[in-house]
Amino acid sequence: MKIVKLPKKNLAEFIGHLNSFGQIHAPVKRGEKSFVFAPVTELTEIELNCNRTILPLKKYFFKPVETMFNFCAQKGYEVPVEEQDKKYIIFGVHPCDIHGLKILDMVFSGRYVDSYYFARRRRALIIGLDCTPDELCFCRSTGTDFVDSGFDLFLSDIDDSYLVRVGTSIGDDMVTAADSLFREVEKEDREKYKAKSIQRRESFQTEIQLQDFPGIMDLEYESQVWEEVGEECLSCGTCSMVCPTCYCYAVFDELNLDAESGQRKRRWDSCLFKDYALVAGGHNFRAERSSRVKNRFFHKQRGFVTQYGRPSCVGCGRCKAYCPAGIDIVEVVNKLRSQTRV
């Protein structure tokens, strides 16, 4: 993998060069403590030190609400046309979020490929950026604190410069187009990178043991913990909305006022919603909140492992950060691990 050095004093000029490759999106501040990915034009708008945005990158490729096709009695159905040639660059993506995208890529490229998702995915360029974990991050425990693929460029902080790993041919084009801004990597830079890597690894404040957790979950399927968490849960679905790897959606039709045409749409759904498992006849397979909470944990930490060989959690900490009830996945896992089966 090609690696070059970008002095921080050249970062603003490099951002300017990137505009020729597409519209730039990056973390920007919203309110006092929150951040979101949004369009930017220059470095001063970007929050380089944010730990997490409210919504992950899935909002770009798997939209909260989207029209799948338009229909009418006379013409049948028509798929909406998007600007297929419009490129955009997402700058400042942390390793856990890149892993989240790789999981969505895997899911949506299954037996039935999601063309809506990949049409947008192909138009996006990813520039990663390392980060300093806070008390909510546990991506080291999930093995998602480092990434070696899934990006076009990845920037690692080494004090007065960034080491830039080039992941794709387009990433190489970005570096070549601004060749005068980059420098060769020297021995001192390599030593700084290794020292920073150790420092970052030792700065994690939260750990979670997931290696044998699927087996623990099977043993604790009837645990009282699920009732306790169900009592706290508000069934609002916030954890599903902010999760980088939750991909459930509902399909519905909206009829126009002429009663002859309309749109078929899909929107994000959550297994924590009360009507998620409701079927014809009014039967609900998971009417109790405790059952819905358990189902979500089992899908992400048990079922996903069975199907894809790994859990779907990337350790970003969003579910705890934005849960209005303060439910902490780490606490739930620790309770299940320490409890005698009931």
C-alpha atoms as a PDB file:
ATOM      1  CA  MET A   1       0.000   0.000   0.000  1.00  0.00           C
ATOM      2  CA  LYS A   2       1.366   3.407  -0.962  1.00  0.00           C
ATOM      3  CA  ILE A   3       1.947   5.743   2.002  1.00  0.00           C
ATOM      4  CA  VAL A   4       2.874   9.427   1.811  1.00  0.00           C
ATOM      5  CA  LYS A   5       3.034  12.332   4.263  1.00  0.00           C
ATOM      6  CA  LEU A   6       0.827  15.413   4.237  1.00  0.00           C
ATOM      7  CA  PRO A   7       2.026  18.304   6.433  1.00  0.00           C
ATOM      8  CA  LYS A   8      -0.925  19.750   8.353  1.00  0.00           C
ATOM      9  CA  LYS A   9      -0.134  23.208   7.026  1.00  0.00           C
ATOM     10  CA  ASN A  10      -1.035  21.845   3.555  1.00  0.00           C
ATOM     11  CA  LEU A  11      -4.354  20.281   4.567  1.00  0.00           C
ATOM     12  CA  ALA A  12      -6.479  23.328   3.691  1.00  0.00           C
ATOM     13  CA  GLU A  13      -4.966  23.490   0.211  1.00  0.00           C
ATOM     14  CA  PHE A  14      -5.486  19.745  -0.232  1.00  0.00           C
ATOM     15  CA  ILE A  15      -9.176  20.163   0.666  1.00  0.00           C
ATOM     16  CA  GLY A  16      -9.347  22.758  -2.094  1.00  0.00           C
ATOM     17  CA  HIS A  17      -7.919  20.250  -4.583  1.00  0.00           C
ATOM     18  CA  LEU A  18     -10.509  17.666  -3.546  1.00  0.00           C
ATOM     19  CA  ASN A  19     -13.337  19.871  -4.793  1.00  0.00           C
ATOM     20  CA  SER A  20     -12.386  18.892  -8.335  1.00  0.00           C
ATOM     21  CA  PHE A  21     -13.189  15.244  -7.515  1.00  0.00           C
ATOM     22  CA  GLY A  22     -16.657  15.906  -6.112  1.00  0.00           C
ATOM     23  CA  GLN A  23     -18.676  17.707  -3.472  1.00  0.00           C
ATOM     24  CA  ILE A  24     -17.013  17.373  -0.063  1.00  0.00           C
ATOM     25  CA  HIS A  25     -18.956  16.253   2.996  1.00  0.00           C
ATOM     26  CA  ALA A  26     -17.369  16.182   6.458  1.00  0.00           C
ATOM     27  CA  PRO A  27     -18.254  16.407  10.174  1.00  0.00           C
ATOM     28  CA  VAL A  28     -19.575  19.849  11.138  1.00  0.00           C
ATOM     29  CA  LYS A  29     -20.880  21.099  14.471  1.00  0.00           C
ATOM     30  CA  ARG A  30     -24.611  21.209  15.187  1.00  0.00           C
ATOM     31  CA  GLY A  31     -25.611  22.742  18.488  1.00  0.00           C
ATOM     32  CA  GLU A  32     -23.347  22.679  21.507  1.00  0.00           C
ATOM     33  CA  LYS A  33     -22.042  19.096  21.468  1.00  0.00           C
ATOM     34  CA  SER A  34     -23.394  17.372  18.358  1.00  0.00           C
ATOM     35  CA  PHE A  35     -21.873  16.760  14.944  1.00  0.00           C
ATOM     36  CA  VAL A  36     -23.268  15.721  11.566  1.00  0.00           C
ATOM     37  CA  PHE A  37     -21.875  14.900   8.143  1.00  0.00           C
ATOM     38  CA  ALA A  38     -22.748  17.828   5.867  1.00  0.00           C
ATOM     39  CA  PRO A  39     -21.428  19.599   2.734  1.00  0.00           C
ATOM     40  CA  VAL A  40     -18.340  21.790   3.240  1.00  0.00           C
ATOM     41  CA  THR A  41     -16.126  23.844   0.956  1.00  0.00           C
ATOM     42  CA  GLU A  42     -13.084  24.578   3.133  1.00  0.00           C
ATOM     43  CA  LEU A  43     -11.124  23.257   6.089  1.00  0.00           C
ATOM     44  CA  THR A  44     -12.392  25.817   8.617  1.00  0.00           C
ATOM     45  CA  GLU A  45     -15.884  24.278   8.437  1.00  0.00           C
ATOM     46  CA  ILE A  46     -14.654  20.779   9.348  1.00  0.00           C
ATOM     47  CA  GLU A  47     -14.586  19.496  12.928  1.00  0.00           C
ATOM     48  CA  LEU A  48     -11.496  17.294  12.798  1.00  0.00           C
ATOM     49  CA  ASN A  49     -11.698  16.258  16.454  1.00  0.00           C
ATOM     50  CA  CYS A  50     -15.290  15.070  16.724  1.00  0.00           C
ATOM     51  CA  ASN A  51     -15.712  11.558  18.145  1.00  0.00           C
ATOM     52  CA  ARG A  52     -18.958  10.660  16.383  1.00  0.00           C
ATOM     53  CA  THR A  53     -21.683  12.199  14.262  1.00  0.00           C
ATOM     54  CA  ILE A  54     -25.340  11.734  15.199  1.00  0.00           C
ATOM     55  CA  LEU A  55     -26.126   9.696  12.086  1.00  0.00           C
ATOM     56  CA  PRO A  56     -23.543   7.421  10.458  1.00  0.00           C
ATOM     57  CA  LEU A  57     -22.690   7.235   6.766  1.00  0.00           C
ATOM     58  CA  LYS A  58     -25.617   4.957   5.947  1.00  0.00           C
ATOM     59  CA  LYS A  59     -27.778   8.086   5.555  1.00  0.00           C
ATOM     60  CA  TYR A  60     -26.008   8.737   2.220  1.00  0.00           C
ATOM     61  CA  PHE A  61     -26.508   5.304   0.684  1.00  0.00           C
ATOM     62  CA  PHE A  62     -29.522   3.874   2.512  1.00  0.00           C
ATOM     63  CA  LYS A  63     -31.692   6.949   2.930  1.00  0.00           C
ATOM     64  CA  PRO A  64     -34.064   7.425   5.897  1.00  0.00           C
ATOM     65  CA  VAL A  65     -36.940   7.751   3.395  1.00  0.00           C
ATOM     66  CA  GLU A  66     -36.691   7.203  -0.351  1.00  0.00           C
ATOM     67  CA  THR A  67     -38.956   6.664  -3.343  1.00  0.00           C
ATOM     68  CA  MET A  68     -38.398   3.264  -4.914  1.00  0.00           C
ATOM     69  CA  PHE A  69     -40.599   3.959  -7.926  1.00  0.00           C
ATOM     70  CA  ASN A  70     -43.539   6.042  -9.139  1.00  0.00           C
ATOM     71  CA  PHE A  71     -46.672   4.309 -10.385  1.00  0.00           C
ATOM     72  CA  CYS A  72     -49.859   5.209 -12.246  1.00  0.00           C
ATOM     73  CA  ALA A  73     -52.695   3.310 -13.887  1.00  0.00           C
ATOM     74  CA  GLN A  74     -51.773   4.421 -17.417  1.00  0.00           C
ATOM     75  CA  LYS A  75     -47.947   4.139 -17.457  1.00  0.00           C
ATOM     76  CA  GLY A  76     -47.303   1.400 -14.926  1.00  0.00           C
ATOM     77  CA  TYR A  77     -44.221   2.219 -12.867  1.00  0.00           C
ATOM     78  CA  GLU A  78     -41.112   4.352 -13.391  1.00  0.00           C
ATOM     79  CA  VAL A  79     -37.913   4.376 -11.348  1.00  0.00           C
ATOM     80  CA  PRO A  80     -36.808   7.895 -10.325  1.00  0.00           C
ATOM     81  CA  VAL A  81     -33.679   9.078 -12.128  1.00  0.00           C
ATOM     82  CA  GLU A  82     -30.787  10.286  -9.977  1.00  0.00           C
ATOM     83  CA  GLU A  83     -27.664  12.139 -11.094  1.00  0.00           C
ATOM     84  CA  GLN A  84     -25.545   9.064 -11.794  1.00  0.00           C
ATOM     85  CA  ASP A  85     -22.419  11.050 -12.657  1.00  0.00           C
ATOM     86  CA  LYS A  86     -22.446  13.248  -9.536  1.00  0.00           C
ATOM     87  CA  LYS A  87     -19.526  12.291  -7.255  1.00  0.00           C
ATOM     88  CA  TYR A  88     -19.057  13.271  -3.652  1.00  0.00           C
ATOM     89  CA  ILE A  89     -16.274  12.842  -1.123  1.00  0.00           C
ATOM     90  CA  ILE A  90     -16.926  11.974   2.515  1.00  0.00           C
ATOM     91  CA  PHE A  91     -13.980  13.261   4.531  1.00  0.00           C
ATOM     92  CA  GLY A  92     -13.101  12.469   8.135  1.00  0.00           C
ATOM     93  CA  VAL A  93     -14.590   8.977   8.385  1.00  0.00           C
ATOM     94  CA  HIS A  94     -13.423   7.044  11.441  1.00  0.00           C
ATOM     95  CA  PRO A  95     -12.358   3.366  11.267  1.00  0.00           C
ATOM     96  CA  CYS A  96     -15.509   2.110  13.031  1.00  0.00           C
ATOM     97  CA  ASP A  97     -17.729   3.862  10.489  1.00  0.00           C
ATOM     98  CA  ILE A  98     -15.731   2.416   7.592  1.00  0.00           C
ATOM     99  CA  HIS A  99     -16.270  -1.027   9.113  1.00  0.00           C
ATOM    100  CA  GLY A 100     -19.978  -0.172   9.360  1.00  0.00           C
ATOM    101  CA  LEU A 101     -20.045   0.549   5.625  1.00  0.00           C
ATOM    102  CA  LYS A 102     -18.255  -2.715   4.879  1.00  0.00           C
ATOM    103  CA  ILE A 103     -20.947  -4.571   6.833  1.00  0.00           C
ATOM    104  CA  LEU A 104     -23.727  -2.829   4.901  1.00  0.00           C
ATOM    105  CA  ASP A 105     -21.910  -3.618   1.640  1.00  0.00           C
ATOM    106  CA  MET A 106     -21.904  -7.271   2.632  1.00  0.00           C
ATOM    107  CA  VAL A 107     -25.582  -7.317   3.592  1.00  0.00           C
ATOM    108  CA  PHE A 108     -26.887  -5.402   0.567  1.00  0.00           C
ATOM    109  CA  SER A 109     -24.802  -7.470  -1.879  1.00  0.00           C
ATOM    110  CA  GLY A 110     -26.404 -10.716  -0.773  1.00  0.00           C
ATOM    111  CA  ARG A 111     -28.769 -12.943  -2.728  1.00  0.00           C
ATOM    112  CA  TYR A 112     -30.920  -9.957  -3.687  1.00  0.00           C
ATOM    113  CA  VAL A 113     -28.589  -7.051  -4.462  1.00  0.00           C
ATOM    114  CA  ASP A 114     -29.910  -3.655  -3.355  1.00  0.00           C
ATOM    115  CA  SER A 115     -29.458  -1.550  -6.502  1.00  0.00           C
ATOM    116  CA  TYR A 116     -30.628   1.638  -4.754  1.00  0.00           C
ATOM    117  CA  TYR A 117     -27.835   1.334  -2.188  1.00  0.00           C
ATOM    118  CA  PHE A 118     -25.032   0.493  -4.620  1.00  0.00           C
ATOM    119  CA  ALA A 119     -26.007   3.154  -7.160  1.00  0.00           C
ATOM    120  CA  ARG A 120     -25.143   5.737  -4.480  1.00  0.00           C
ATOM    121  CA  ARG A 121     -22.256   3.786  -3.011  1.00  0.00           C
ATOM    122  CA  ARG A 122     -20.413   3.785  -6.342  1.00  0.00           C
ATOM    123  CA  ARG A 123     -20.542   7.576  -6.500  1.00  0.00           C
ATOM    124  CA  ALA A 124     -18.933   8.158  -3.098  1.00  0.00           C
ATOM    125  CA  LEU A 125     -15.238   8.478  -2.260  1.00  0.00           C
ATOM    126  CA  ILE A 126     -14.165   7.812   1.332  1.00  0.00           C
ATOM    127  CA  ILE A 127     -11.330   9.612   3.107  1.00  0.00           C
ATOM    128  CA  GLY A 128     -10.738   8.185   6.556  1.00  0.00           C
ATOM    129  CA  LEU A 129      -9.297   9.929   9.594  1.00  0.00           C
ATOM    130  CA  ASP A 130      -8.132   8.404  12.865  1.00  0.00           C
ATOM    131  CA  CYS A 131      -9.554   9.640  16.165  1.00  0.00           C
ATOM    132  CA  THR A 132      -8.960   9.688  19.900  1.00  0.00           C
ATOM    133  CA  PRO A 133     -11.488   7.465  21.711  1.00  0.00           C
ATOM    134  CA  ASP A 134     -13.701   8.844  24.459  1.00  0.00           C
ATOM    135  CA  GLU A 135     -15.495   7.034  27.285  1.00  0.00           C
ATOM    136  CA  LEU A 136     -18.190   5.699  24.927  1.00  0.00           C
ATOM    137  CA  CYS A 137     -15.877   4.121  22.323  1.00  0.00           C
ATOM    138  CA  PHE A 138     -15.226   0.387  22.494  1.00  0.00           C
ATOM    139  CA  CYS A 139     -14.170  -0.275  18.889  1.00  0.00           C
ATOM    140  CA  ARG A 140     -10.899  -1.818  20.072  1.00  0.00           C
ATOM    141  CA  SER A 141     -12.959  -4.626  21.649  1.00  0.00           C
ATOM    142  CA  THR A 142     -14.871  -5.202  18.414  1.00  0.00           C
ATOM    143  CA  GLY A 143     -11.722  -5.158  16.282  1.00  0.00           C
ATOM    144  CA  THR A 144     -12.855  -2.073  14.380  1.00  0.00           C
ATOM    145  CA  ASP A 145     -10.369   0.498  15.691  1.00  0.00           C
ATOM    146  CA  PHE A 146      -8.159  -0.021  12.635  1.00  0.00           C
ATOM    147  CA  VAL A 147      -9.043  -0.489   8.987  1.00  0.00           C
ATOM    148  CA  ASP A 148      -6.895  -1.614   6.043  1.00  0.00           C
ATOM    149  CA  SER A 149      -9.505  -1.399   3.268  1.00  0.00           C
ATOM    150  CA  GLY A 150     -12.790   0.287   2.432  1.00  0.00           C
ATOM    151  CA  PHE A 151     -11.305   3.758   1.901  1.00  0.00           C
ATOM    152  CA  ASP A 152      -9.728   5.754  -0.917  1.00  0.00           C
ATOM    153  CA  LEU A 153      -7.398   7.621   1.437  1.00  0.00           C
ATOM    154  CA  PHE A 154      -6.827   7.313   5.179  1.00  0.00           C
ATOM    155  CA  LEU A 155      -5.142  10.016   7.275  1.00  0.00           C
ATOM    156  CA  SER A 156      -3.323   9.173  10.512  1.00  0.00           C
ATOM    157  CA  ASP A 157      -2.216  12.001  12.807  1.00  0.00           C
ATOM    158  CA  ILE A 158       1.532  12.168  13.569  1.00  0.00           C
ATOM    159  CA  ASP A 159       1.610  15.575  15.297  1.00  0.00           C
ATOM    160  CA  ASP A 160       2.544  18.143  12.650  1.00  0.00           C
ATOM    161  CA  SER A 161       1.606  15.908   9.683  1.00  0.00           C
ATOM    162  CA  TYR A 162      -0.656  13.095   8.545  1.00  0.00           C
ATOM    163  CA  LEU A 163       0.512   9.762   7.204  1.00  0.00           C
ATOM    164  CA  VAL A 164      -1.747   9.123   4.218  1.00  0.00           C
ATOM    165  CA  ARG A 165      -2.467   5.550   3.169  1.00  0.00           C
ATOM    166  CA  VAL A 166      -3.670   5.232  -0.422  1.00  0.00           C
ATOM    167  CA  GLY A 167      -6.359   2.570  -0.731  1.00  0.00           C
ATOM    168  CA  THR A 168      -7.582   2.859  -4.343  1.00  0.00           C
ATOM    169  CA  SER A 169      -6.568   4.122  -7.767  1.00  0.00           C
ATOM    170  CA  ILE A 170      -8.869   7.140  -7.326  1.00  0.00           C
ATOM    171  CA  GLY A 171      -7.155   7.833  -4.030  1.00  0.00           C
ATOM    172  CA  ASP A 172      -3.854   7.763  -5.871  1.00  0.00           C
ATOM    173  CA  ASP A 173      -5.285  10.229  -8.399  1.00  0.00           C
ATOM    174  CA  MET A 174      -6.182  12.587  -5.524  1.00  0.00           C
ATOM    175  CA  VAL A 175      -2.611  12.469  -4.233  1.00  0.00           C
ATOM    176  CA  THR A 176      -1.105  12.843  -7.705  1.00  0.00           C
ATOM    177  CA  ALA A 177      -3.307  15.870  -8.491  1.00  0.00           C
ATOM    178  CA  ALA A 178      -1.847  17.635  -5.437  1.00  0.00           C
ATOM    179  CA  ASP A 179       1.585  16.049  -5.587  1.00  0.00           C
ATOM    180  CA  SER A 180       3.448  19.188  -4.474  1.00  0.00           C
ATOM    181  CA  LEU A 181       1.625  19.131  -1.112  1.00  0.00           C
ATOM    182  CA  PHE A 182       2.934  15.686  -0.114  1.00  0.00           C
ATOM    183  CA  ARG A 183       6.275  14.497   1.193  1.00  0.00           C
ATOM    184  CA  GLU A 184       8.129  11.214   1.407  1.00  0.00           C
ATOM    185  CA  VAL A 185       7.756   9.262   4.653  1.00  0.00           C
ATOM    186  CA  GLU A 186      10.950   9.322   6.702  1.00  0.00           C
ATOM    187  CA  LYS A 187      12.196   7.214   9.605  1.00  0.00           C
ATOM    188  CA  GLU A 188      11.095   9.819  12.155  1.00  0.00           C
ATOM    189  CA  ASP A 189       7.563   9.704  10.704  1.00  0.00           C
ATOM    190  CA  ARG A 190       7.434   5.916  11.022  1.00  0.00           C
ATOM    191  CA  GLU A 191       8.491   6.102  14.658  1.00  0.00           C
ATOM    192  CA  LYS A 192       5.871   8.764  15.374  1.00  0.00           C
ATOM    193  CA  TYR A 193       3.178   6.637  13.757  1.00  0.00           C
ATOM    194  CA  LYS A 194       4.080   3.579  15.858  1.00  0.00           C
ATOM    195  CA  ALA A 195       4.167   5.643  19.056  1.00  0.00           C
ATOM    196  CA  LYS A 196       0.788   7.213  18.224  1.00  0.00           C
ATOM    197  CA  SER A 197      -0.651   3.768  17.539  1.00  0.00           C
ATOM    198  CA  ILE A 198       0.361   2.535  20.978  1.00  0.00           C
ATOM    199  CA  GLN A 199      -0.881   5.744  22.621  1.00  0.00           C
ATOM    200  CA  ARG A 200      -4.266   5.428  20.922  1.00  0.00           C
ATOM    201  CA  ARG A 201      -4.615   1.760  21.856  1.00  0.00           C
ATOM    202  CA  GLU A 202      -3.893   2.550  25.507  1.00  0.00           C
ATOM    203  CA  SER A 203      -6.355   5.466  25.591  1.00  0.00           C
ATOM    204  CA  PHE A 204      -9.486   3.301  25.369  1.00  0.00           C
ATOM    205  CA  GLN A 205     -11.526   3.654  28.542  1.00  0.00           C
ATOM    206  CA  THR A 206     -14.213   1.062  27.766  1.00  0.00           C
ATOM    207  CA  GLU A 207     -13.836  -2.616  26.952  1.00  0.00           C
ATOM    208  CA  ILE A 208     -16.352  -5.318  26.154  1.00  0.00           C
ATOM    209  CA  GLN A 209     -15.824  -9.066  25.851  1.00  0.00           C
ATOM    210  CA  LEU A 210     -17.635 -10.366  22.764  1.00  0.00           C
ATOM    211  CA  GLN A 211     -15.476 -13.289  21.617  1.00  0.00           C
ATOM    212  CA  ASP A 212     -17.666 -16.053  23.109  1.00  0.00           C
ATOM    213  CA  PHE A 213     -20.753 -13.939  23.651  1.00  0.00           C
ATOM    214  CA  PRO A 214     -23.049 -15.849  21.232  1.00  0.00           C
ATOM    215  CA  GLY A 215     -22.704 -18.882  23.494  1.00  0.00           C
ATOM    216  CA  ILE A 216     -23.382 -16.780  26.584  1.00  0.00           C
ATOM    217  CA  MET A 217     -26.544 -15.420  24.962  1.00  0.00           C
ATOM    218  CA  ASP A 218     -27.808 -18.934  24.263  1.00  0.00           C
ATOM    219  CA  LEU A 219     -27.239 -19.840  27.925  1.00  0.00           C
ATOM    220  CA  GLU A 220     -28.979 -16.671  29.132  1.00  0.00           C
ATOM    221  CA  TYR A 221     -31.907 -16.691  26.711  1.00  0.00           C
ATOM    222  CA  GLU A 222     -34.396 -16.629  29.613  1.00  0.00           C
ATOM    223  CA  SER A 223     -32.359 -14.214  31.727  1.00  0.00           C
ATOM    224  CA  GLN A 224     -34.072 -11.664  33.933  1.00  0.00           C
ATOM    225  CA  VAL A 225     -31.763  -9.071  32.383  1.00  0.00           C
ATOM    226  CA  TRP A 226     -34.063  -8.829  29.351  1.00  0.00           C
ATOM    227  CA  GLU A 227     -36.996  -7.889  31.613  1.00  0.00           C
ATOM    228  CA  GLU A 228     -34.873  -5.276  33.369  1.00  0.00           C
ATOM    229  CA  VAL A 229     -33.712  -3.673  30.122  1.00  0.00           C
ATOM    230  CA  GLY A 230     -37.247  -3.907  28.711  1.00  0.00           C
ATOM    231  CA  GLU A 231     -38.509  -1.861  31.654  1.00  0.00           C
ATOM    232  CA  GLU A 232     -36.021   0.895  30.800  1.00  0.00           C
ATOM    233  CA  CYS A 233     -36.479   0.853  27.015  1.00  0.00           C
ATOM    234  CA  LEU A 234     -38.863   3.424  25.503  1.00  0.00           C
ATOM    235  CA  SER A 235     -39.228   1.545  22.182  1.00  0.00           C
ATOM    236  CA  CYS A 236     -38.330   4.786  20.402  1.00  0.00           C
ATOM    237  CA  GLY A 237     -35.956   3.092  17.952  1.00  0.00           C
ATOM    238  CA  THR A 238     -33.238   5.736  18.346  1.00  0.00           C
ATOM    239  CA  CYS A 239     -30.525   3.090  18.747  1.00  0.00           C
ATOM    240  CA  SER A 240     -31.518   1.544  15.403  1.00  0.00           C
ATOM    241  CA  MET A 241     -31.563   4.899  13.625  1.00  0.00           C
ATOM    242  CA  VAL A 242     -28.083   5.955  14.785  1.00  0.00           C
ATOM    243  CA  CYS A 243     -26.511   2.501  14.416  1.00  0.00           C
ATOM    244  CA  PRO A 244     -24.092   2.252  11.451  1.00  0.00           C
ATOM    245  CA  THR A 245     -25.192  -1.316  10.679  1.00  0.00           C
ATOM    246  CA  CYS A 246     -28.967  -1.432  11.308  1.00  0.00           C
ATOM    247  CA  TYR A 247     -30.637  -1.897   7.928  1.00  0.00           C
ATOM    248  CA  CYS A 248     -34.289  -2.839   8.531  1.00  0.00           C
ATOM    249  CA  TYR A 249     -36.838  -0.912   6.470  1.00  0.00           C
ATOM    250  CA  ALA A 250     -40.577  -0.822   5.855  1.00  0.00           C
ATOM    251  CA  VAL A 251     -42.158  -0.476   2.407  1.00  0.00           C
ATOM    252  CA  PHE A 252     -45.345   1.561   1.941  1.00  0.00           C
ATOM    253  CA  ASP A 253     -47.336   3.298  -0.803  1.00  0.00           C
ATOM    254  CA  GLU A 254     -48.374   6.951  -0.924  1.00  0.00           C
ATOM    255  CA  LEU A 255     -51.323   7.632  -3.201  1.00  0.00           C
ATOM    256  CA  ASN A 256     -51.667  10.998  -4.934  1.00  0.00           C
ATOM    257  CA  LEU A 257     -54.890  13.027  -4.808  1.00  0.00           C
ATOM    258  CA  ASP A 258     -55.959  11.709  -8.224  1.00  0.00           C
ATOM    259  CA  ALA A 259     -56.232   8.235  -6.653  1.00  0.00           C
ATOM    260  CA  GLU A 260     -54.606   6.797  -9.781  1.00  0.00           C
ATOM    261  CA  SER A 261     -50.917   7.463  -9.198  1.00  0.00           C
ATOM    262  CA  GLY A 262     -48.451   7.529  -6.340  1.00  0.00           C
ATOM    263  CA  GLN A 263     -45.072   6.426  -5.032  1.00  0.00           C
ATOM    264  CA  ARG A 264     -43.806   3.276  -3.443  1.00  0.00           C
ATOM    265  CA  LYS A 265     -41.384   4.272  -0.705  1.00  0.00           C
ATOM    266  CA  ARG A 266     -39.236   2.714   1.960  1.00  0.00           C
ATOM    267  CA  ARG A 267     -38.139   4.152   5.284  1.00  0.00           C
ATOM    268  CA  TRP A 268     -35.926   3.069   8.138  1.00  0.00           C
ATOM    269  CA  ASP A 269     -37.646   0.701  10.533  1.00  0.00           C
ATOM    270  CA  SER A 270     -36.695  -0.660  13.954  1.00  0.00           C
ATOM    271  CA  CYS A 271     -37.267  -4.014  15.614  1.00  0.00           C
ATOM    272  CA  LEU A 272     -37.933  -2.055  18.813  1.00  0.00           C
ATOM    273  CA  PHE A 273     -41.122  -0.478  17.424  1.00  0.00           C
ATOM    274  CA  LYS A 274     -44.225  -2.064  18.911  1.00  0.00           C
ATOM    275  CA  ASP A 275     -45.781  -2.846  15.526  1.00  0.00           C
ATOM    276  CA  TYR A 276     -42.580  -4.249  13.947  1.00  0.00           C
ATOM    277  CA  ALA A 277     -43.598  -7.886  14.412  1.00  0.00           C
ATOM    278  CA  LEU A 278     -47.347  -7.268  13.987  1.00  0.00           C
ATOM    279  CA  VAL A 279     -48.945  -9.553  11.389  1.00  0.00           C
ATOM    280  CA  ALA A 280     -52.343  -9.960   9.757  1.00  0.00           C
ATOM    281  CA  GLY A 281     -55.034 -10.813  12.273  1.00  0.00           C
ATOM    282  CA  GLY A 282     -53.518  -8.579  14.930  1.00  0.00           C
ATOM    283  CA  HIS A 283     -51.058 -11.111  16.352  1.00  0.00           C
ATOM    284  CA  ASN A 284     -47.759  -9.653  17.543  1.00  0.00           C
ATOM    285  CA  PHE A 285     -44.833 -12.050  17.888  1.00  0.00           C
ATOM    286  CA  ARG A 286     -42.949  -9.607  20.110  1.00  0.00           C
ATOM    287  CA  ALA A 287     -45.569  -7.556  21.894  1.00  0.00           C
ATOM    288  CA  GLU A 288     -43.438  -7.146  25.043  1.00  0.00           C
ATOM    289  CA  ARG A 289     -40.621  -4.614  25.106  1.00  0.00           C
ATOM    290  CA  SER A 290     -38.312  -7.141  26.766  1.00  0.00           C
ATOM    291  CA  SER A 291     -38.835  -9.484  23.822  1.00  0.00           C
ATOM    292  CA  ARG A 292     -38.007  -6.740  21.320  1.00  0.00           C
ATOM    293  CA  VAL A 293     -34.873  -5.700  23.201  1.00  0.00           C
ATOM    294  CA  LYS A 294     -33.729  -9.317  23.352  1.00  0.00           C
ATOM    295  CA  ASN A 295     -34.412  -9.761  19.641  1.00  0.00           C
ATOM    296  CA  ARG A 296     -32.221  -6.763  18.764  1.00  0.00           C
ATOM    297  CA  PHE A 297     -29.324  -8.003  20.872  1.00  0.00           C
ATOM    298  CA  PHE A 298     -29.668 -11.526  19.523  1.00  0.00           C
ATOM    299  CA  HIS A 299     -29.689 -10.334  15.928  1.00  0.00           C
ATOM    300  CA  LYS A 300     -26.613  -8.135  16.260  1.00  0.00           C
ATOM    301  CA  GLN A 301     -24.552 -10.365  18.553  1.00  0.00           C
ATOM    302  CA  ARG A 302     -25.828 -13.876  17.763  1.00  0.00           C
ATOM    303  CA  GLY A 303     -27.744 -14.189  14.489  1.00  0.00           C
ATOM    304  CA  PHE A 304     -25.360 -11.971  12.521  1.00  0.00           C
ATOM    305  CA  VAL A 305     -22.401 -14.033  13.742  1.00  0.00           C
ATOM    306  CA  THR A 306     -24.084 -17.213  12.506  1.00  0.00           C
ATOM    307  CA  GLN A 307     -24.795 -15.742   9.071  1.00  0.00           C
ATOM    308  CA  TYR A 308     -21.737 -13.563   8.454  1.00  0.00           C
ATOM    309  CA  GLY A 309     -19.105 -14.803  10.890  1.00  0.00           C
ATOM    310  CA  ARG A 310     -18.918 -11.632  12.998  1.00  0.00           C
ATOM    311  CA  PRO A 311     -21.183  -9.434  15.147  1.00  0.00           C
ATOM    312  CA  SER A 312     -22.675  -6.367  13.485  1.00  0.00           C
ATOM    313  CA  CYS A 313     -21.633  -3.990  16.275  1.00  0.00           C
ATOM    314  CA  VAL A 314     -18.648  -1.740  15.439  1.00  0.00           C
ATOM    315  CA  GLY A 315     -18.191  -0.172  18.879  1.00  0.00           C
ATOM    316  CA  CYS A 316     -18.934   3.437  17.887  1.00  0.00           C
ATOM    317  CA  GLY A 317     -20.900   4.182  21.092  1.00  0.00           C
ATOM    318  CA  ARG A 318     -23.802   5.924  19.322  1.00  0.00           C
ATOM    319  CA  CYS A 319     -26.496   3.706  20.853  1.00  0.00           C
ATOM    320  CA  LYS A 320     -25.511   4.732  24.377  1.00  0.00           C
ATOM    321  CA  ALA A 321     -24.756   8.349  23.443  1.00  0.00           C
ATOM    322  CA  TYR A 322     -28.239   8.972  22.034  1.00  0.00           C
ATOM    323  CA  CYS A 323     -30.474   6.545  23.948  1.00  0.00           C
ATOM    324  CA  PRO A 324     -32.926   8.728  25.931  1.00  0.00           C
ATOM    325  CA  ALA A 325     -33.200   5.969  28.539  1.00  0.00           C
ATOM    326  CA  GLY A 326     -29.423   5.685  28.938  1.00  0.00           C
ATOM    327  CA  ILE A 327     -29.269   1.974  28.100  1.00  0.00           C
ATOM    328  CA  ASP A 328     -25.631   0.915  27.798  1.00  0.00           C
ATOM    329  CA  ILE A 329     -24.752  -2.113  25.651  1.00  0.00           C
ATOM    330  CA  VAL A 330     -21.575  -2.663  27.670  1.00  0.00           C
ATOM    331  CA  GLU A 331     -23.537  -2.883  30.927  1.00  0.00           C
ATOM    332  CA  VAL A 332     -26.041  -5.297  29.383  1.00  0.00           C
ATOM    333  CA  VAL A 333     -23.255  -7.570  28.132  1.00  0.00           C
ATOM    334  CA  ASN A 334     -21.489  -7.487  31.505  1.00  0.00           C
ATOM    335  CA  LYS A 335     -24.713  -8.341  33.340  1.00  0.00           C
ATOM    336  CA  LEU A 336     -25.333 -11.317  31.100  1.00  0.00           C
ATOM    337  CA  ARG A 337     -21.775 -12.505  31.582  1.00  0.00           C
ATOM    338  CA  SER A 338     -21.807 -12.275  35.362  1.00  0.00           C
ATOM    339  CA  GLN A 339     -25.301 -13.608  36.014  1.00  0.00           C
ATOM    340  CA  THR A 340     -26.245 -17.114  37.017  1.00  0.00           C
ATOM    341  CA  ARG A 341     -28.945 -18.445  34.725  1.00  0.00           C
ATOM    342  CA  VAL A 342     -32.493 -17.871  36.083  1.00  0.00           C
END
